[in-house]
Each structure stands twice: as structure tokens, then as C-alpha cells.
Amino acid sequence: MIDFLKLPIWRRKSIMMTLWLTMVVISIALHMHHFNNFLIYKYTFWHALEQKSLFATYPAEHGDVNHYGPIFSLIIAPFAVIPSIWVGVALWHFALAMFLWWAINRSTLPTEQIVLMVWFIAHEMLNALGMSQFNVATGAMILLTYAAIHRGSEKWAAFWIVLGVLVKIYGVVGLAFFFFVRSKERFVLWLIIWTIVLFTLPMPFFGCEYVAGQYIEWIRCLGEKGQENLLSDFQNISLLGMIRKIGYACSAGLTAYYSVFDRETLPDTNNFWMSVWNDLWIIIPALALSASPWLRIKQYKSHAFQLMCLAMVLMIVNILSTGAENSSYIISMSGVAIWYVAAPWKRSKLDLCLLLFCFILTSLSPTDLFPSPIRTYWIRAFALKSLPVVIIWLKLVWEMCTRNYTLEYDIR
């Protein structure tokens, strides 16, 4: 498959752009009567104008609640004011797709590697666009953060980090690239400047007191959401969720777990996996393991090593987050693609098998290619979508701790 994509026809920008735009069209066509997420986004702007809570429930307008920061009300504004829901959704999907397209092409990958990445993540982008999810932009901002740091633009690297944090917290992972920054003092200064600018940016439009209050409410809302996600049927699709959900099912029994999964009953709060188990028992060792390659300071000068750090950051955004959902895997699949294409050595058949395993189980599992009982009551119920990414993340950590990226990159 990889050699097939190296043929000149697949490298034409017109072909890849057609693929990208096709994903936009399909995403709209497949969800023509279900624009709930877009309605949540749209009303954040109108609720801000009306000085209403951005994080309350509004069942007459949409299901679920907003979990994005106040600045998102300005980002969605151009799309929220469009009277036609169809036109608004179409332009929103197009904007998200083009933003990710721009971020990939702004990346430091050579053309051949960009081609492979575009084709590999196209279907996962469709998954995210199908839910109108901002995760497409979140992945783009992380890519742009590293690209800016690599090019020595501390100002723009800091901008993408701060914007990502103030919209959905995930942008904070961009700080992992701090050790690759050329002028760390200037970078920190720009972080402070952009935090002040972007934090206060909504205030002239919606009022200082209102915006400050909404930031406080946002933090509280995120804390509550973390608890709700633990055994959620559509959230916590992560290493954390996989362990907790399998553990709960083993201790309480499949019938009891499926009853919770189907929202027929509430979780048993006395169960070990709800009362005693703490995700920090996994998060802390996993973060320590992920940080271990950063101890190899001599490898920092290798572009390939830095790209592997980018790939790792993109992966752990989901596998160590209770907020991980189907649509957020556009972020981690971008990391998997970089892991495969940017290695300064020829990938093995095992690596190719892992890549295909990831594409099939992670990207294709939400589709009708998998029978509904398997898709729903095994893959989704036990967060198995995250499994291939977890395996590749572990292999990446091992590679970064044992391979000489500087030497192998030079002799490629």
C-alpha cells in the first residue's frame, strides 16, 4: 500500500485536494439531519451576546453542553451568524479541513511524507468532520506549534499553544517542544503576551465581568465532565478508559457493565473501579515513560528525533485523556502517520502491520465494515479504538530510547 501511494499520480496536489474536499462533502451528506455539535458551537456565540451561561443545558436548542472556552465564541462567530444551517455547517467543515491541510503542508515533512500522511488520515478526518468537531483544528494547531518552533518563530509557536489551551486545554501539550526552542526567553515572553491578549480578546465584545465569570465556570465544567467521562459510552476512548471499562466489566460482570453502557443504570459507586481506582496510577508512569526520551539531550539536534517527539505528543493527547472520543483521534492518527513516515530508517514489515492494524481498528471501527454488535459492544464499549495507538506509542518510546536518530538520519 505504501509503495502504491508513491506513484506520481497520488502525489498530485489536485488529486489530494479532491480527496480532502470529498471528505467535506461526504461529512455533510452523511449527517444532513444531525448537526447537534454545530448547534452547540453556534449558540455559544449567541449565548455570549445575550450574556447567558456558555455551559448550561439548553434542550430546546441542542443536546449536550458546550465544553469550549469563551474565546471559542469569537472563533465560531463568522459561521454562527449565517442564517442557513446548511451553509454554516458546510463552511465550518470546509474551514476545518483547509486549516488542517494548511498545517500539514506547513509542517517540516518533505513532500513524499506529506502525501502518505494525507492519504492515511483522510478517513479519520471524515470521522471528525462527520461530527463537526473542532478536534480537526486542535490537531492542526499542535502541528503548527512544532513547525513554528522548528523555524525559529517563537511568537507563532506561543500563539498556537495559548489559543489551543484557551479553546480546549489540549494545546498545552505544545509546551513539550520547549527544549527545541531557540530563544527560550523570547518564547516565554510571547506566551505571557498571547495569554493576556487572547484571554481578554472576547471582553470588548461580551463584557469583562461576563467573560471572566465564564472562564471560572468553564474550569468547573471541565472538572465535572472528567467524572462523567469515566464509563461514558462515547467518551474516555483511551488507555485510561480501556483499563477502567474492562476492569469494571470483569468485576461487576458483562451484564451489569452493559446496563451502564446502555445508560439503563448508573455505575455502582462502591465498585473498586469507581471508588478506589485512580487514573493517576496510569497517567504518572505513562508520562514518565513518555518523558524518558527527552533525557537524550544529544538527540535534540536531529530533525527526525524532534518529529518523533511530535508524533508522541499527538498520540498521548488521546490515550491519556478521559475526554478522548471517536472524533478526537484525528489528532493521534496524525501522530501515527508521522511515526511511520518520518523515521530515518526503512520501516519493517512489523511496523507496516502495526500501521494497517491501526488504520483498520482505530479508523475503520466506527464504520459499517464492522458488524454492529462488535462495533458497539466490544470495540466502543471497551475503548479498543485506542489499543493500536497505545501499542505504537509504546514502540515509539522504545525506539526513541534506543535508536541513534542523529547518525541514522545523516546516512539515510
Protein backbone atom coordinates (compact mmCIF):
# COMPACT_ATOMS: atom_id res chain seq x y z
CA MET A 1 0.00 0.00 0.00
CA ILE A 2 2.79 2.44 0.93
CA ASP A 3 4.73 1.85 -2.31
CA PHE A 4 1.48 2.19 -4.26
CA LEU A 5 0.95 5.67 -2.83
CA LYS A 6 4.42 6.69 -4.03
CA LEU A 7 3.22 6.60 -7.63
CA PRO A 8 3.28 10.11 -9.20
CA ILE A 9 -0.50 10.27 -9.71
CA TRP A 10 -1.20 10.12 -5.97
CA ARG A 11 1.30 12.89 -5.29
CA ARG A 12 -0.53 15.46 -7.39
CA LYS A 13 -1.91 18.26 -5.26
CA SER A 14 -5.07 18.29 -7.35
CA ILE A 15 -5.74 14.62 -6.51
CA MET A 16 -5.09 15.14 -2.79
CA MET A 17 -7.20 18.31 -2.71
CA THR A 18 -10.03 16.42 -4.40
CA LEU A 19 -9.77 13.75 -1.71
CA TRP A 20 -9.85 16.43 1.02
CA LEU A 21 -12.89 18.19 -0.43
CA THR A 22 -14.63 14.85 -0.97
CA MET A 23 -14.32 14.21 2.76
CA VAL A 24 -16.03 17.55 3.40
CA VAL A 25 -18.92 16.75 1.05
CA ILE A 26 -19.39 13.24 2.47
CA SER A 27 -19.28 14.54 6.04
CA ILE A 28 -22.18 16.86 5.32
CA ALA A 29 -24.18 14.35 3.28
CA LEU A 30 -23.93 11.60 5.91
CA HIS A 31 -25.11 13.87 8.73
CA MET A 32 -27.63 16.05 6.95
CA HIS A 33 -30.19 15.73 9.74
CA HIS A 34 -27.85 15.61 12.74
CA PHE A 35 -25.97 18.84 13.30
CA ASN A 36 -26.11 18.83 17.10
CA ASN A 37 -22.45 19.66 17.66
CA PHE A 38 -22.56 22.55 15.24
CA LEU A 39 -25.66 23.88 17.02
CA ILE A 40 -23.77 23.74 20.32
CA TYR A 41 -20.96 25.73 18.75
CA LYS A 42 -23.30 28.18 17.00
CA TYR A 43 -25.18 29.03 20.17
CA THR A 44 -22.01 29.76 22.15
CA PHE A 45 -21.79 32.97 20.14
CA TRP A 46 -25.45 33.91 20.59
CA HIS A 47 -25.44 32.98 24.28
CA ALA A 48 -22.37 35.15 24.80
CA LEU A 49 -24.13 38.08 23.13
CA GLU A 50 -27.15 37.50 25.39
CA GLN A 51 -24.88 37.21 28.48
CA LYS A 52 -26.13 33.66 29.15
CA SER A 53 -24.05 30.82 30.58
CA LEU A 54 -21.96 29.13 27.90
CA PHE A 55 -22.01 25.85 29.83
CA ALA A 56 -25.63 25.40 30.86
CA THR A 57 -28.03 22.97 29.19
CA TYR A 58 -30.36 24.30 26.50
CA PRO A 59 -32.55 21.33 25.48
CA ALA A 60 -34.75 23.47 23.25
CA GLU A 61 -31.71 24.34 21.12
CA HIS A 62 -29.44 21.30 21.23
CA GLY A 63 -28.44 18.23 23.19
CA ASP A 64 -25.39 18.01 25.47
CA VAL A 65 -23.48 21.11 26.61
CA ASN A 66 -20.59 23.24 25.45
CA HIS A 67 -17.11 22.45 26.80
CA TYR A 68 -15.04 25.03 24.91
CA GLY A 69 -13.55 28.17 26.42
CA PRO A 70 -15.09 31.64 25.99
CA ILE A 71 -12.75 32.60 23.15
CA PHE A 72 -14.40 29.91 21.04
CA SER A 73 -17.46 32.17 20.88
CA LEU A 74 -15.43 34.51 18.67
CA ILE A 75 -13.92 31.72 16.55
CA ILE A 76 -17.35 30.35 15.65
CA ALA A 77 -18.91 33.81 15.15
CA PRO A 78 -18.49 34.03 11.32
CA PHE A 79 -20.30 30.70 10.97
CA ALA A 80 -22.90 31.36 13.69
CA VAL A 81 -24.30 34.47 12.02
CA ILE A 82 -25.08 32.63 8.76
CA PRO A 83 -28.89 32.16 8.66
CA SER A 84 -28.81 28.83 6.81
CA ILE A 85 -27.71 25.88 8.95
CA TRP A 86 -26.69 24.06 5.78
CA VAL A 87 -24.40 26.83 4.59
CA GLY A 88 -22.98 27.35 8.08
CA VAL A 89 -22.13 23.67 8.51
CA ALA A 90 -20.68 23.38 5.01
CA LEU A 91 -18.40 26.39 5.51
CA TRP A 92 -17.42 25.18 9.01
CA HIS A 93 -16.40 21.76 7.68
CA PHE A 94 -14.56 23.36 4.78
CA ALA A 95 -12.69 25.72 7.10
CA LEU A 96 -11.65 22.89 9.42
CA ALA A 97 -10.43 20.73 6.54
CA MET A 98 -8.49 23.57 4.92
CA PHE A 99 -6.92 24.55 8.25
CA LEU A 100 -5.59 21.01 8.73
CA TRP A 101 -4.50 20.90 5.09
CA TRP A 102 -2.54 24.11 5.59
CA ALA A 103 -0.99 22.84 8.84
CA ILE A 104 0.17 19.61 7.21
CA ASN A 105 1.70 21.49 4.29
CA ARG A 106 3.32 23.92 6.72
CA SER A 107 4.87 21.02 8.57
CA THR A 108 8.55 20.21 8.22
CA LEU A 109 7.86 16.93 6.42
CA PRO A 110 9.12 16.51 2.84
CA THR A 111 6.55 16.17 0.06
CA GLU A 112 6.62 12.38 -0.15
CA GLN A 113 5.92 12.04 3.57
CA ILE A 114 3.13 14.62 3.41
CA VAL A 115 1.46 12.58 0.65
CA LEU A 116 1.45 9.42 2.75
CA MET A 117 0.18 11.31 5.78
CA VAL A 118 -2.69 12.94 3.84
CA TRP A 119 -3.93 9.63 2.46
CA PHE A 120 -3.56 7.85 5.80
CA ILE A 121 -5.54 10.33 7.90
CA ALA A 122 -8.20 11.28 5.32
CA HIS A 123 -10.77 8.82 6.64
CA GLU A 124 -10.13 9.81 10.25
CA MET A 125 -10.70 13.41 9.24
CA LEU A 126 -14.04 12.30 7.81
CA ASN A 127 -14.88 10.76 11.21
CA ALA A 128 -14.17 14.08 12.90
CA LEU A 129 -15.90 16.25 10.30
CA GLY A 130 -18.94 14.00 10.44
CA MET A 131 -19.49 15.30 13.97
CA SER A 132 -18.47 18.87 13.03
CA GLN A 133 -15.75 18.53 15.66
CA PHE A 134 -13.14 21.17 16.41
CA ASN A 135 -10.62 18.36 17.01
CA VAL A 136 -9.51 18.78 13.39
CA ALA A 137 -8.33 22.29 14.25
CA THR A 138 -6.81 21.13 17.54
CA GLY A 139 -4.56 18.69 15.67
CA ALA A 140 -3.66 21.41 13.20
CA MET A 141 -2.64 23.79 16.00
CA ILE A 142 -0.28 21.21 17.53
CA LEU A 143 1.32 20.63 14.12
CA LEU A 144 1.70 24.38 13.63
CA THR A 145 3.23 24.78 17.09
CA TYR A 146 6.08 22.42 16.27
CA ALA A 147 6.51 23.84 12.76
CA ALA A 148 6.85 27.35 14.19
CA ILE A 149 9.40 26.21 16.78
CA HIS A 150 11.41 24.37 14.13
CA ARG A 151 11.51 27.52 12.01
CA GLY A 152 12.53 29.67 14.97
CA SER A 153 9.25 31.59 15.21
CA GLU A 154 8.67 31.71 18.97
CA LYS A 155 5.89 34.27 18.53
CA TRP A 156 3.65 32.00 16.46
CA ALA A 157 4.51 28.86 18.41
CA ALA A 158 3.36 30.61 21.58
CA PHE A 159 0.22 31.85 19.80
CA TRP A 160 -0.91 28.35 18.79
CA ILE A 161 -0.22 26.97 22.26
CA VAL A 162 -2.17 29.66 24.08
CA LEU A 163 -5.06 29.57 21.62
CA GLY A 164 -5.23 25.78 21.93
CA VAL A 165 -5.28 25.98 25.72
CA LEU A 166 -7.97 28.66 25.87
CA VAL A 167 -10.21 26.74 23.46
CA LYS A 168 -9.85 23.14 24.61
CA ILE A 169 -6.88 22.73 27.00
CA TYR A 170 -5.20 20.24 24.63
CA GLY A 171 -2.91 22.95 23.25
CA VAL A 172 -0.87 22.71 26.45
CA VAL A 173 0.94 19.68 25.01
CA GLY A 174 2.82 22.08 22.75
CA LEU A 175 4.94 23.01 25.78
CA ALA A 176 6.63 19.63 25.34
CA PHE A 177 8.60 21.22 22.49
CA PHE A 178 10.09 23.82 24.84
CA PHE A 179 13.50 22.13 24.75
CA PHE A 180 13.69 22.63 20.97
CA VAL A 181 13.03 26.39 21.22
CA ARG A 182 15.99 28.52 20.15
CA SER A 183 15.26 31.57 22.28
CA LYS A 184 13.53 30.34 25.39
CA GLU A 185 13.31 33.79 26.98
CA ARG A 186 11.53 35.22 23.95
CA PHE A 187 9.24 32.19 23.82
CA VAL A 188 8.18 32.64 27.47
CA LEU A 189 7.63 36.36 26.87
CA TRP A 190 5.36 35.62 23.91
CA LEU A 191 3.45 33.06 25.98
CA ILE A 192 2.69 35.79 28.52
CA ILE A 193 1.77 38.32 25.83
CA TRP A 194 -0.55 35.97 23.96
CA THR A 195 -2.18 34.78 27.18
CA ILE A 196 -3.10 38.36 28.06
CA VAL A 197 -4.23 39.21 24.52
CA LEU A 198 -6.30 36.09 23.85
CA PHE A 199 -7.73 35.86 27.37
CA THR A 200 -9.07 39.40 27.11
CA LEU A 201 -9.95 39.32 23.40
CA PRO A 202 -13.64 38.38 23.96
CA MET A 203 -14.10 41.12 26.59
CA PRO A 204 -14.69 44.10 24.24
CA PHE A 205 -17.47 42.08 22.57
CA PHE A 206 -19.13 40.43 25.56
CA GLY A 207 -18.00 42.37 28.65
CA CYS A 208 -15.11 41.92 31.10
CA GLU A 209 -17.11 40.65 34.07
CA TYR A 210 -19.10 38.21 31.94
CA VAL A 211 -16.04 36.71 30.22
CA ALA A 212 -14.07 36.37 33.47
CA GLY A 213 -17.03 34.61 35.06
CA GLN A 214 -17.34 32.26 32.10
CA TYR A 215 -13.68 31.23 32.39
CA ILE A 216 -14.29 30.28 36.04
CA GLU A 217 -17.41 28.36 35.09
CA TRP A 218 -15.50 26.65 32.27
CA ILE A 219 -12.88 25.24 34.66
CA ARG A 220 -15.62 23.93 36.95
CA CYS A 221 -17.45 22.41 33.99
CA LEU A 222 -14.32 20.59 32.81
CA GLY A 223 -13.83 19.07 36.26
CA GLU A 224 -17.38 17.74 36.30
CA LYS A 225 -17.04 16.44 32.76
CA GLY A 226 -13.97 14.42 33.77
CA GLN A 227 -16.04 12.48 36.29
CA GLU A 228 -18.89 11.93 33.84
CA ASN A 229 -16.50 10.50 31.24
CA LEU A 230 -15.20 7.59 33.33
CA LEU A 231 -17.59 4.94 31.98
CA SER A 232 -19.13 7.06 29.26
CA ASP A 233 -20.30 5.20 26.15
CA PHE A 234 -18.87 7.78 23.76
CA GLN A 235 -16.03 9.29 25.85
CA ASN A 236 -12.86 8.04 27.54
CA ILE A 237 -11.78 6.14 24.43
CA SER A 238 -8.27 5.95 25.79
CA LEU A 239 -5.79 3.76 27.62
CA LEU A 240 -7.41 5.02 30.81
CA GLY A 241 -10.88 4.15 29.58
CA MET A 242 -9.84 0.77 28.24
CA ILE A 243 -8.38 -0.28 31.60
CA ARG A 244 -11.26 1.11 33.68
CA LYS A 245 -14.04 -0.26 31.46
CA ILE A 246 -12.52 -3.73 31.14
CA GLY A 247 -11.82 -3.76 34.87
CA TYR A 248 -15.40 -2.73 35.73
CA ALA A 249 -16.84 -5.36 33.38
CA CYS A 250 -14.63 -8.08 34.87
CA SER A 251 -15.55 -7.19 38.45
CA ALA A 252 -19.25 -6.36 38.03
CA GLY A 253 -19.99 -8.74 35.16
CA LEU A 254 -20.74 -8.06 31.50
CA THR A 255 -24.49 -7.74 32.06
CA ALA A 256 -24.04 -5.09 34.75
CA TYR A 257 -21.49 -3.22 32.67
CA TYR A 258 -23.62 -3.26 29.51
CA SER A 259 -26.52 -1.92 31.58
CA VAL A 260 -24.35 1.07 32.48
CA PHE A 261 -23.03 1.34 28.91
CA ASP A 262 -26.59 1.45 27.54
CA ARG A 263 -27.46 4.15 30.11
CA GLU A 264 -30.09 1.93 31.73
CA THR A 265 -28.47 2.11 35.17
CA LEU A 266 -25.87 4.24 36.92
CA PRO A 267 -22.41 2.83 37.72
CA ASP A 268 -22.01 1.12 41.07
CA THR A 269 -20.13 3.73 43.09
CA ASN A 270 -18.96 1.02 45.52
CA ASN A 271 -17.23 -0.91 42.77
CA PHE A 272 -13.42 -0.88 43.03
CA TRP A 273 -13.07 0.71 39.59
CA MET A 274 -15.29 3.63 40.63
CA SER A 275 -14.42 4.08 44.30
CA VAL A 276 -10.74 3.14 44.58
CA TRP A 277 -9.13 3.08 41.15
CA ASN A 278 -7.36 6.32 40.22
CA ASP A 279 -6.29 7.16 36.65
CA LEU A 280 -3.17 8.81 38.05
CA TRP A 281 -1.81 5.31 38.67
CA ILE A 282 -1.56 5.05 34.88
CA ILE A 283 -1.07 8.69 33.91
CA ILE A 284 2.02 9.34 36.06
CA PRO A 285 4.01 6.26 34.92
CA ALA A 286 2.90 6.82 31.31
CA LEU A 287 4.02 10.45 31.36
CA ALA A 288 7.32 9.43 32.94
CA LEU A 289 7.77 6.82 30.22
CA SER A 290 6.90 9.36 27.53
CA ALA A 291 9.35 11.87 29.02
CA SER A 292 12.25 9.42 29.15
CA PRO A 293 13.39 10.09 25.53
CA TRP A 294 13.74 13.79 26.41
CA LEU A 295 16.71 12.78 28.60
CA ARG A 296 18.68 12.06 25.42
CA ILE A 297 19.77 15.67 25.00
CA LYS A 298 22.32 14.85 22.29
CA GLN A 299 19.48 13.68 20.04
CA TYR A 300 17.76 17.08 20.13
CA LYS A 301 19.65 18.32 17.08
CA SER A 302 18.14 15.56 14.96
CA HIS A 303 15.09 16.67 13.00
CA ALA A 304 13.88 13.05 12.93
CA PHE A 305 14.06 12.83 16.73
CA GLN A 306 12.07 16.04 17.06
CA LEU A 307 9.42 14.70 14.69
CA MET A 308 9.14 11.57 16.82
CA CYS A 309 8.54 13.82 19.83
CA LEU A 310 5.76 15.49 17.84
CA ALA A 311 4.30 12.09 16.98
CA MET A 312 4.35 11.05 20.64
CA VAL A 313 2.65 14.24 21.80
CA LEU A 314 -0.10 13.78 19.22
CA MET A 315 -0.68 10.22 20.42
CA ILE A 316 -0.81 10.85 24.17
CA VAL A 317 -3.37 13.64 23.72
CA ASN A 318 -5.93 10.85 23.41
CA ILE A 319 -4.55 7.77 25.11
CA LEU A 320 -4.07 9.63 28.42
CA SER A 321 -7.29 11.67 28.36
CA THR A 322 -10.72 10.75 29.73
CA GLY A 323 -12.14 13.24 27.24
CA ALA A 324 -10.91 11.23 24.24
CA GLU A 325 -13.71 10.44 21.80
CA ASN A 326 -14.06 8.93 18.37
CA SER A 327 -13.64 12.25 16.58
CA SER A 328 -10.55 13.31 18.55
CA TYR A 329 -8.46 10.52 17.01
CA ILE A 330 -7.72 12.71 14.01
CA ILE A 331 -5.06 14.11 16.36
CA SER A 332 -3.48 10.78 17.30
CA MET A 333 -3.75 9.31 13.81
CA SER A 334 -1.69 12.27 12.59
CA GLY A 335 0.91 11.22 15.16
CA VAL A 336 0.82 7.61 13.97
CA ALA A 337 1.35 8.79 10.39
CA ILE A 338 4.37 10.88 11.40
CA TRP A 339 5.77 7.96 13.41
CA TYR A 340 5.72 5.80 10.29
CA VAL A 341 6.78 8.21 7.55
CA ALA A 342 9.38 10.31 9.39
CA ALA A 343 11.61 7.52 10.75
CA PRO A 344 15.15 7.95 9.42
CA TRP A 345 15.30 4.27 8.54
CA LYS A 346 13.24 1.91 6.40
CA ARG A 347 10.25 0.75 8.40
CA SER A 348 9.97 -3.01 8.94
CA LYS A 349 7.12 -5.32 7.94
CA LEU A 350 6.10 -5.36 11.60
CA ASP A 351 5.78 -1.58 11.53
CA LEU A 352 3.67 -1.78 8.38
CA CYS A 353 1.44 -4.36 10.05
CA LEU A 354 1.03 -2.07 13.05
CA LEU A 355 0.14 0.81 10.74
CA LEU A 356 -2.51 -1.27 8.96
CA PHE A 357 -3.81 -2.63 12.28
CA CYS A 358 -4.18 0.94 13.48
CA PHE A 359 -5.96 2.04 10.32
CA ILE A 360 -8.40 -0.88 10.49
CA LEU A 361 -9.21 -0.91 14.21
CA THR A 362 -8.81 2.77 15.04
CA SER A 363 -10.02 4.48 11.88
CA LEU A 364 -12.46 1.99 10.36
CA SER A 365 -14.01 0.52 13.53
CA PRO A 366 -16.79 3.17 13.74
CA THR A 367 -17.97 2.24 10.22
CA ASP A 368 -20.35 -0.42 8.95
CA LEU A 369 -17.38 -2.54 7.90
CA PHE A 370 -17.63 -3.89 11.44
CA PRO A 371 -20.87 -5.65 12.45
CA SER A 372 -22.93 -3.51 14.82
CA PRO A 373 -22.65 -5.85 17.87
CA ILE A 374 -18.85 -5.98 17.57
CA ARG A 375 -18.56 -2.27 16.81
CA THR A 376 -20.80 -1.25 19.70
CA TYR A 377 -20.46 -3.83 22.45
CA TRP A 378 -16.80 -4.69 22.11
CA ILE A 379 -14.79 -2.01 20.33
CA ARG A 380 -16.68 1.05 21.61
CA ALA A 381 -17.72 -0.48 24.93
CA PHE A 382 -14.14 -1.27 25.91
CA ALA A 383 -12.38 1.65 24.17
CA LEU A 384 -10.49 -0.71 21.86
CA LYS A 385 -10.15 2.05 19.27
CA SER A 386 -7.24 3.26 21.41
CA LEU A 387 -5.42 -0.10 21.51
CA PRO A 388 -3.36 0.19 18.27
CA VAL A 389 -2.29 3.74 19.17
CA VAL A 390 -1.20 2.54 22.64
CA ILE A 391 0.90 -0.24 21.08
CA ILE A 392 2.54 2.13 18.59
CA TRP A 393 3.15 4.67 21.36
CA LEU A 394 4.99 2.02 23.40
CA LYS A 395 7.07 1.02 20.38
CA LEU A 396 7.86 4.67 19.68
CA VAL A 397 9.09 5.20 23.25
CA TRP A 398 11.35 2.16 22.91
CA GLU A 399 12.72 3.40 19.58
CA MET A 400 13.40 6.89 20.92
CA CYS A 401 15.25 5.48 23.90
CA THR A 402 17.42 3.07 21.89
CA ARG A 403 17.98 4.37 18.34
CA ASN A 404 20.57 6.92 17.28
CA TYR A 405 18.48 9.37 15.27
CA THR A 406 21.36 11.73 14.55
CA LEU A 407 23.57 9.07 12.99
CA GLU A 408 20.81 7.26 11.12
CA TYR A 409 19.29 10.49 9.81
CA ASP A 410 22.65 11.55 8.36
CA ILE A 411 23.22 8.27 6.50
CA ARG A 412 19.67 7.90 5.15
